[in-house]
Amino acid sequence: MKKIYRNFELDTHKEKSLAGYLLLYFAIYDKDGYEWVCGFEDCTDKVVEKIDYLQQWVDEFYTNVENNICSDCYEELDDRLYCKFCDLDYNKYIK
């Protein structure tokens, strides 16, 4: 299941692993294709439940930017909303 939420693409799906059981795969991409979060879980969660969790992550991302905090390393952003540790410019995420 793919969903666009606040300019991020949330991708979650279940797929059979090589061992034969289902895994829940998930990822968050920004509009430029930068991957912010990715992983997989051996869980009974539904895809929709994981999408809800990923939406919470995006909401927290914007809260962090508003508070001048990098959502990648959690260090403080400078006055230009730039993280010198991650080399990320957060201005493109401000509407």
Protein backbone atom coordinates (compact mmCIF):
# COMPACT_ATOMS: atom_id res chain seq x y z
CA MET A 1 0.00 0.00 0.00
CA LYS A 2 1.36 3.37 -0.97
CA LYS A 3 0.05 6.65 0.36
CA ILE A 4 1.11 10.26 -0.07
CA TYR A 5 0.94 12.09 3.26
CA ARG A 6 2.16 15.66 3.76
CA ASN A 7 4.54 15.44 0.78
CA PHE A 8 5.99 12.07 1.85
CA GLU A 9 5.39 8.71 0.19
CA LEU A 10 4.55 6.00 2.72
CA ASP A 11 5.07 2.48 1.39
CA THR A 12 3.96 -0.56 3.37
CA HIS A 13 3.31 -4.09 2.21
CA LYS A 14 3.47 -7.70 3.33
CA GLU A 15 5.57 -10.13 1.41
CA LYS A 16 6.64 -13.72 1.91
CA SER A 17 10.23 -14.06 3.10
CA LEU A 18 12.68 -16.63 1.75
CA ALA A 19 11.86 -18.75 4.82
CA GLY A 20 8.21 -18.79 3.78
CA TYR A 21 6.54 -16.54 6.35
CA LEU A 22 5.09 -13.07 5.91
CA LEU A 23 7.09 -9.98 6.76
CA LEU A 24 5.81 -6.41 6.93
CA TYR A 25 8.03 -4.09 4.86
CA PHE A 26 7.85 -0.31 5.23
CA ALA A 27 9.56 2.85 3.99
CA ILE A 28 9.15 6.63 3.97
CA TYR A 29 10.43 8.71 1.03
CA ASP A 30 10.33 12.46 0.52
CA LYS A 31 9.30 14.00 -2.80
CA ASP A 32 12.93 13.91 -4.01
CA GLY A 33 13.23 10.19 -3.33
CA TYR A 34 15.34 10.49 -0.16
CA GLU A 35 14.63 7.50 2.06
CA TRP A 36 14.03 8.59 5.65
CA VAL A 37 12.89 5.32 7.20
CA CYS A 38 12.91 1.73 6.02
CA GLY A 39 12.75 -1.72 7.51
CA PHE A 40 10.81 -4.89 7.96
CA GLU A 41 9.13 -6.65 10.84
CA ASP A 42 7.96 -10.13 11.66
CA CYS A 43 4.66 -9.07 13.19
CA THR A 44 0.92 -9.48 13.01
CA ASP A 45 0.26 -5.78 12.41
CA LYS A 46 -1.95 -4.90 9.49
CA VAL A 47 -0.63 -2.74 6.67
CA VAL A 48 -3.11 0.00 7.58
CA GLU A 49 -1.86 0.05 11.18
CA LYS A 50 1.71 0.53 9.99
CA ILE A 51 0.60 3.36 7.67
CA ASP A 52 -0.95 5.05 10.71
CA TYR A 53 2.38 4.72 12.57
CA LEU A 54 4.30 6.13 9.58
CA GLN A 55 1.91 9.09 9.46
CA GLN A 56 2.77 9.78 13.10
CA TRP A 57 6.45 9.76 12.14
CA VAL A 58 5.78 12.37 9.43
CA ASP A 59 3.84 14.52 11.90
CA GLU A 60 6.78 14.29 14.32
CA PHE A 61 9.14 15.19 11.47
CA TYR A 62 7.34 18.51 10.91
CA THR A 63 7.20 19.17 14.66
CA ASN A 64 10.96 18.65 14.82
CA VAL A 65 11.54 21.09 11.96
CA GLU A 66 9.35 23.68 13.69
CA ASN A 67 11.52 23.22 16.80
CA ASN A 68 14.79 23.41 14.79
CA ILE A 69 15.66 19.74 15.35
CA CYS A 70 17.04 17.44 12.65
CA SER A 71 14.78 14.40 12.18
CA ASP A 72 17.73 12.29 11.07
CA CYS A 73 20.26 12.82 13.89
CA TYR A 74 18.18 14.92 16.35
CA GLU A 75 20.83 17.64 16.53
CA GLU A 76 19.87 21.31 16.51
CA LEU A 77 19.42 22.99 13.12
CA ASP A 78 21.05 26.34 12.44
CA ASP A 79 19.12 29.54 11.67
CA ARG A 80 18.84 28.54 8.01
CA LEU A 81 17.25 25.17 8.93
CA TYR A 82 20.40 23.33 7.90
CA CYS A 83 21.89 20.32 9.69
CA LYS A 84 25.67 20.39 9.45
CA PHE A 85 25.92 16.82 10.74
CA CYS A 86 23.65 15.29 8.09
CA ASP A 87 24.19 17.88 5.34
CA LEU A 88 20.42 18.33 5.06
CA ASP A 89 18.60 21.54 4.20
CA TYR A 90 15.12 21.49 5.73
CA ASN A 91 13.89 24.60 3.88
CA LYS A 92 12.38 22.44 1.15
CA TYR A 93 10.00 20.90 3.70
CA ILE A 94 8.54 24.24 4.79
CA LYS A 95 5.45 25.26 2.88
